[in-house]
N, C-alpha and C. Protein backbone atom coordinates (compact mmCIF):
# COMPACT_ATOMS: atom_id res chain seq x y z
N MET A 1 15.48 5.34 -3.57
CA MET A 1 16.25 4.16 -3.24
C MET A 1 15.67 2.96 -3.97
N ALA A 2 16.49 2.16 -4.56
CA ALA A 2 16.05 0.98 -5.30
C ALA A 2 16.04 -0.24 -4.39
N SER A 3 15.63 -1.33 -4.96
CA SER A 3 15.54 -2.61 -4.25
C SER A 3 16.92 -3.11 -3.84
N ILE A 4 16.94 -4.08 -2.93
CA ILE A 4 18.21 -4.69 -2.53
C ILE A 4 18.77 -5.57 -3.64
N ILE A 5 17.94 -5.94 -4.61
CA ILE A 5 18.38 -6.73 -5.75
C ILE A 5 18.31 -5.85 -7.00
N PRO A 6 19.41 -5.71 -7.73
CA PRO A 6 19.43 -4.87 -8.93
C PRO A 6 18.34 -5.29 -9.93
N GLY A 7 17.76 -4.30 -10.59
CA GLY A 7 16.74 -4.57 -11.58
C GLY A 7 15.33 -4.39 -11.07
N TYR A 8 15.19 -4.25 -9.76
CA TYR A 8 13.87 -4.05 -9.15
C TYR A 8 13.79 -2.63 -8.59
N GLU A 9 12.63 -2.05 -8.70
CA GLU A 9 12.43 -0.69 -8.19
C GLU A 9 12.16 -0.69 -6.68
N TYR A 10 11.36 -1.66 -6.22
CA TYR A 10 11.00 -1.78 -4.80
C TYR A 10 11.17 -3.23 -4.37
N ASP A 11 11.35 -3.43 -3.08
CA ASP A 11 11.38 -4.78 -2.54
C ASP A 11 9.96 -5.29 -2.32
N ILE A 12 9.10 -4.42 -1.78
CA ILE A 12 7.72 -4.81 -1.46
C ILE A 12 6.76 -3.73 -1.97
N PHE A 13 5.70 -4.15 -2.62
CA PHE A 13 4.65 -3.24 -3.10
C PHE A 13 3.37 -3.60 -2.36
N ILE A 14 2.81 -2.65 -1.61
CA ILE A 14 1.55 -2.87 -0.87
C ILE A 14 0.42 -2.30 -1.72
N SER A 15 -0.51 -3.16 -2.12
CA SER A 15 -1.66 -2.75 -2.92
C SER A 15 -2.91 -2.81 -2.05
N TYR A 16 -3.64 -1.70 -1.99
CA TYR A 16 -4.84 -1.64 -1.15
C TYR A 16 -5.75 -0.56 -1.70
N ARG A 17 -6.97 -0.50 -1.20
CA ARG A 17 -7.92 0.55 -1.58
C ARG A 17 -7.83 1.66 -0.55
N GLN A 18 -7.72 2.90 -1.02
CA GLN A 18 -7.63 4.04 -0.12
C GLN A 18 -8.80 4.06 0.86
N LYS A 19 -9.95 3.62 0.41
CA LYS A 19 -11.15 3.61 1.26
C LYS A 19 -10.94 2.78 2.53
N ASP A 20 -10.13 1.73 2.44
CA ASP A 20 -9.86 0.87 3.59
C ASP A 20 -8.97 1.53 4.63
N ASN A 21 -8.35 2.64 4.29
CA ASN A 21 -7.38 3.25 5.19
C ASN A 21 -7.83 4.63 5.68
N GLN A 22 -9.08 4.95 5.50
CA GLN A 22 -9.57 6.26 5.93
C GLN A 22 -10.07 6.19 7.36
N PRO A 23 -9.82 7.26 8.13
CA PRO A 23 -10.31 7.28 9.51
C PRO A 23 -11.84 7.22 9.53
N ARG A 24 -12.34 6.51 10.47
CA ARG A 24 -13.79 6.41 10.63
C ARG A 24 -14.26 7.40 11.67
N PRO A 25 -15.48 7.89 11.54
CA PRO A 25 -15.97 8.88 12.52
C PRO A 25 -16.02 8.30 13.92
N SER A 26 -15.71 9.14 14.89
CA SER A 26 -15.75 8.73 16.29
C SER A 26 -17.09 9.15 16.90
N TYR A 27 -17.66 8.27 17.68
CA TYR A 27 -18.95 8.54 18.31
C TYR A 27 -18.84 8.58 19.83
N GLY A 28 -17.70 9.09 20.32
CA GLY A 28 -17.51 9.20 21.76
C GLY A 28 -16.77 8.02 22.36
N TRP A 29 -16.50 6.99 21.55
CA TRP A 29 -15.70 5.86 22.01
C TRP A 29 -14.60 5.63 20.97
N GLN A 30 -13.68 4.80 21.32
CA GLN A 30 -12.56 4.53 20.42
C GLN A 30 -13.06 3.84 19.16
N SER A 31 -12.86 4.47 18.03
CA SER A 31 -13.26 3.91 16.75
C SER A 31 -12.27 2.83 16.33
N LYS A 32 -12.78 1.71 15.85
CA LYS A 32 -11.92 0.62 15.38
C LYS A 32 -11.88 0.62 13.87
N GLY A 33 -10.74 0.25 13.31
CA GLY A 33 -10.64 0.04 11.88
C GLY A 33 -10.08 1.18 11.08
N GLY A 34 -10.05 2.38 11.58
CA GLY A 34 -9.54 3.51 10.81
C GLY A 34 -8.03 3.43 10.65
N ARG A 35 -7.57 3.63 9.42
CA ARG A 35 -6.15 3.68 9.08
C ARG A 35 -5.41 2.39 9.44
N TRP A 36 -6.10 1.28 9.42
CA TRP A 36 -5.48 0.01 9.80
C TRP A 36 -4.43 -0.45 8.80
N VAL A 37 -4.57 -0.06 7.54
CA VAL A 37 -3.56 -0.46 6.56
C VAL A 37 -2.24 0.24 6.85
N SER A 38 -2.31 1.52 7.19
CA SER A 38 -1.09 2.26 7.57
C SER A 38 -0.43 1.64 8.78
N GLU A 39 -1.23 1.23 9.76
CA GLU A 39 -0.68 0.59 10.96
C GLU A 39 -0.01 -0.73 10.61
N PHE A 40 -0.61 -1.50 9.72
CA PHE A 40 -0.02 -2.76 9.26
C PHE A 40 1.32 -2.51 8.59
N VAL A 41 1.38 -1.53 7.70
CA VAL A 41 2.61 -1.23 6.96
C VAL A 41 3.71 -0.75 7.91
N GLU A 42 3.37 0.09 8.88
CA GLU A 42 4.36 0.56 9.85
C GLU A 42 4.91 -0.60 10.67
N ALA A 43 4.05 -1.52 11.08
CA ALA A 43 4.49 -2.69 11.84
C ALA A 43 5.38 -3.58 10.97
N LEU A 44 5.02 -3.74 9.70
CA LEU A 44 5.84 -4.52 8.76
C LEU A 44 7.22 -3.89 8.59
N LYS A 45 7.26 -2.56 8.40
CA LYS A 45 8.54 -1.86 8.24
C LYS A 45 9.41 -2.01 9.49
N ASP A 46 8.80 -1.89 10.66
CA ASP A 46 9.55 -2.06 11.92
C ASP A 46 10.16 -3.46 12.01
N GLU A 47 9.37 -4.45 11.65
CA GLU A 47 9.86 -5.83 11.70
C GLU A 47 10.97 -6.06 10.68
N LEU A 48 10.81 -5.54 9.48
CA LEU A 48 11.84 -5.69 8.45
C LEU A 48 13.14 -5.00 8.86
N GLU A 49 13.02 -3.83 9.45
CA GLU A 49 14.19 -3.07 9.90
C GLU A 49 14.97 -3.82 10.97
N SER A 50 14.25 -4.50 11.85
CA SER A 50 14.93 -5.22 12.92
C SER A 50 15.45 -6.59 12.47
N THR A 51 15.01 -7.05 11.29
CA THR A 51 15.39 -8.38 10.82
C THR A 51 16.51 -8.35 9.78
N PHE A 52 16.52 -7.35 8.90
CA PHE A 52 17.48 -7.30 7.81
C PHE A 52 18.53 -6.22 8.04
N LYS A 53 19.76 -6.50 7.58
CA LYS A 53 20.82 -5.49 7.64
C LYS A 53 20.55 -4.38 6.64
N GLU A 54 20.15 -4.79 5.43
CA GLU A 54 19.87 -3.83 4.37
C GLU A 54 18.53 -3.14 4.60
N GLU A 55 18.41 -1.93 4.08
CA GLU A 55 17.13 -1.24 4.16
C GLU A 55 16.20 -1.80 3.09
N ILE A 56 15.02 -2.22 3.50
CA ILE A 56 14.03 -2.78 2.59
C ILE A 56 13.14 -1.64 2.10
N ASN A 57 13.00 -1.53 0.79
CA ASN A 57 12.26 -0.44 0.17
C ASN A 57 10.81 -0.88 -0.06
N VAL A 58 9.87 -0.24 0.65
CA VAL A 58 8.45 -0.59 0.57
C VAL A 58 7.69 0.53 -0.14
N TYR A 59 6.93 0.18 -1.18
CA TYR A 59 6.06 1.15 -1.84
C TYR A 59 4.67 1.06 -1.22
N PHE A 60 4.23 2.16 -0.66
CA PHE A 60 2.91 2.24 -0.02
C PHE A 60 2.39 3.65 -0.24
N ASP A 61 1.41 3.81 -1.11
CA ASP A 61 0.88 5.12 -1.48
C ASP A 61 -0.15 5.57 -0.45
N ILE A 62 0.22 6.57 0.37
CA ILE A 62 -0.72 7.05 1.39
C ILE A 62 -1.33 8.39 1.02
N ASN A 63 -0.92 8.95 -0.12
CA ASN A 63 -1.42 10.25 -0.55
C ASN A 63 -2.75 10.07 -1.30
N THR A 64 -3.85 10.39 -0.66
CA THR A 64 -5.16 10.19 -1.28
C THR A 64 -5.36 11.08 -2.49
N HIS A 65 -4.64 12.18 -2.59
CA HIS A 65 -4.79 13.08 -3.74
C HIS A 65 -4.09 12.53 -4.97
N ASP A 66 -3.14 11.62 -4.79
CA ASP A 66 -2.43 11.02 -5.92
C ASP A 66 -3.00 9.67 -6.30
N GLY A 67 -4.11 9.29 -5.71
CA GLY A 67 -4.72 8.00 -6.01
C GLY A 67 -5.16 7.90 -7.45
N MET A 68 -5.43 6.70 -7.90
CA MET A 68 -5.81 6.49 -9.28
C MET A 68 -7.24 6.95 -9.54
N LEU A 69 -7.42 7.61 -10.64
CA LEU A 69 -8.74 8.04 -11.07
C LEU A 69 -9.23 7.11 -12.18
N GLU A 70 -10.50 7.20 -12.52
CA GLU A 70 -11.05 6.33 -13.55
C GLU A 70 -10.41 6.54 -14.91
N THR A 71 -9.79 7.69 -15.13
CA THR A 71 -9.18 7.97 -16.43
C THR A 71 -7.73 7.52 -16.50
N TYR A 72 -7.17 7.01 -15.41
CA TYR A 72 -5.77 6.61 -15.39
C TYR A 72 -5.56 5.34 -16.20
N ASP A 73 -4.41 5.28 -16.85
CA ASP A 73 -3.95 4.04 -17.47
C ASP A 73 -3.16 3.33 -16.38
N VAL A 74 -3.80 2.37 -15.74
CA VAL A 74 -3.19 1.71 -14.58
C VAL A 74 -1.87 1.06 -14.95
N ASP A 75 -1.81 0.42 -16.10
CA ASP A 75 -0.56 -0.23 -16.50
C ASP A 75 0.58 0.77 -16.58
N ALA A 76 0.33 1.93 -17.18
CA ALA A 76 1.39 2.93 -17.33
C ALA A 76 1.76 3.56 -15.99
N SER A 77 0.77 3.86 -15.14
CA SER A 77 1.06 4.54 -13.88
C SER A 77 1.80 3.65 -12.89
N LEU A 78 1.64 2.35 -12.99
CA LEU A 78 2.28 1.44 -12.04
C LEU A 78 3.45 0.67 -12.64
N LYS A 79 3.76 0.92 -13.88
CA LYS A 79 4.78 0.13 -14.58
C LYS A 79 6.09 0.01 -13.80
N GLU A 80 6.65 1.13 -13.39
CA GLU A 80 7.92 1.11 -12.66
C GLU A 80 7.75 0.64 -11.22
N LYS A 81 6.64 1.02 -10.59
CA LYS A 81 6.42 0.66 -9.19
C LYS A 81 6.21 -0.84 -9.01
N LEU A 82 5.68 -1.50 -10.03
CA LEU A 82 5.43 -2.93 -9.92
C LEU A 82 6.67 -3.78 -10.16
N LYS A 83 7.79 -3.14 -10.42
CA LYS A 83 9.05 -3.87 -10.50
C LYS A 83 9.50 -4.12 -9.07
N CYS A 84 8.88 -5.10 -8.44
CA CYS A 84 9.15 -5.38 -7.03
C CYS A 84 9.38 -6.86 -6.83
N LEU A 85 10.02 -7.20 -5.73
CA LEU A 85 10.26 -8.60 -5.39
C LEU A 85 9.00 -9.26 -4.83
N ILE A 86 8.28 -8.52 -3.99
CA ILE A 86 7.11 -9.07 -3.30
C ILE A 86 5.92 -8.14 -3.50
N PHE A 87 4.81 -8.69 -3.92
CA PHE A 87 3.57 -7.95 -4.10
C PHE A 87 2.60 -8.39 -3.01
N VAL A 88 2.12 -7.44 -2.19
CA VAL A 88 1.22 -7.76 -1.09
C VAL A 88 -0.13 -7.07 -1.34
N PRO A 89 -1.13 -7.81 -1.81
CA PRO A 89 -2.46 -7.21 -1.94
C PRO A 89 -3.19 -7.30 -0.61
N VAL A 90 -3.74 -6.18 -0.15
CA VAL A 90 -4.54 -6.17 1.06
C VAL A 90 -5.99 -6.35 0.59
N VAL A 91 -6.44 -7.58 0.60
CA VAL A 91 -7.73 -7.93 0.03
C VAL A 91 -8.85 -7.63 1.02
N SER A 92 -9.86 -6.93 0.53
CA SER A 92 -11.00 -6.55 1.35
C SER A 92 -12.23 -6.50 0.46
N ARG A 93 -13.37 -6.20 1.04
CA ARG A 93 -14.59 -6.07 0.24
C ARG A 93 -14.45 -4.96 -0.79
N THR A 94 -13.88 -3.84 -0.40
CA THR A 94 -13.74 -2.73 -1.34
C THR A 94 -12.66 -3.02 -2.38
N TYR A 95 -11.63 -3.77 -2.03
CA TYR A 95 -10.57 -4.11 -2.97
C TYR A 95 -11.12 -4.95 -4.12
N CYS A 96 -12.05 -5.83 -3.79
CA CYS A 96 -12.62 -6.76 -4.77
C CYS A 96 -13.94 -6.28 -5.38
N ASP A 97 -14.34 -5.07 -5.11
CA ASP A 97 -15.62 -4.56 -5.60
C ASP A 97 -15.57 -4.38 -7.12
N PRO A 98 -16.37 -5.14 -7.86
CA PRO A 98 -16.34 -5.03 -9.33
C PRO A 98 -16.90 -3.69 -9.84
N LYS A 99 -17.59 -2.94 -8.99
CA LYS A 99 -18.15 -1.65 -9.41
C LYS A 99 -17.12 -0.52 -9.25
N SER A 100 -16.01 -0.80 -8.60
CA SER A 100 -14.98 0.20 -8.40
C SER A 100 -13.92 0.05 -9.49
N PHE A 101 -13.40 1.17 -9.94
CA PHE A 101 -12.49 1.16 -11.08
C PHE A 101 -11.21 0.37 -10.85
N ALA A 102 -10.42 0.81 -9.90
CA ALA A 102 -9.07 0.26 -9.77
C ALA A 102 -9.10 -1.14 -9.22
């Protein structure tokens, strides 16, 4: 499904580090912070669905096996996906880590 506006691939592109969305180990109490990016995106989709008549197309890569590797050409791999109306970077310590590739 394409964007609600012709010429765009997605309405919203969520950019984040996979590391920020991994479950954290539980130590017998409720662990906080695990998969919080997924929870944010689901809440955003619910809100968009209840607000707009049209279906809003959100790109959110949750498949850790398809994540970018150090050998990926980021420009080529994201070329079509970045044709979006709204770009939402989920900024965190790991997102801004200069030692990390992506």
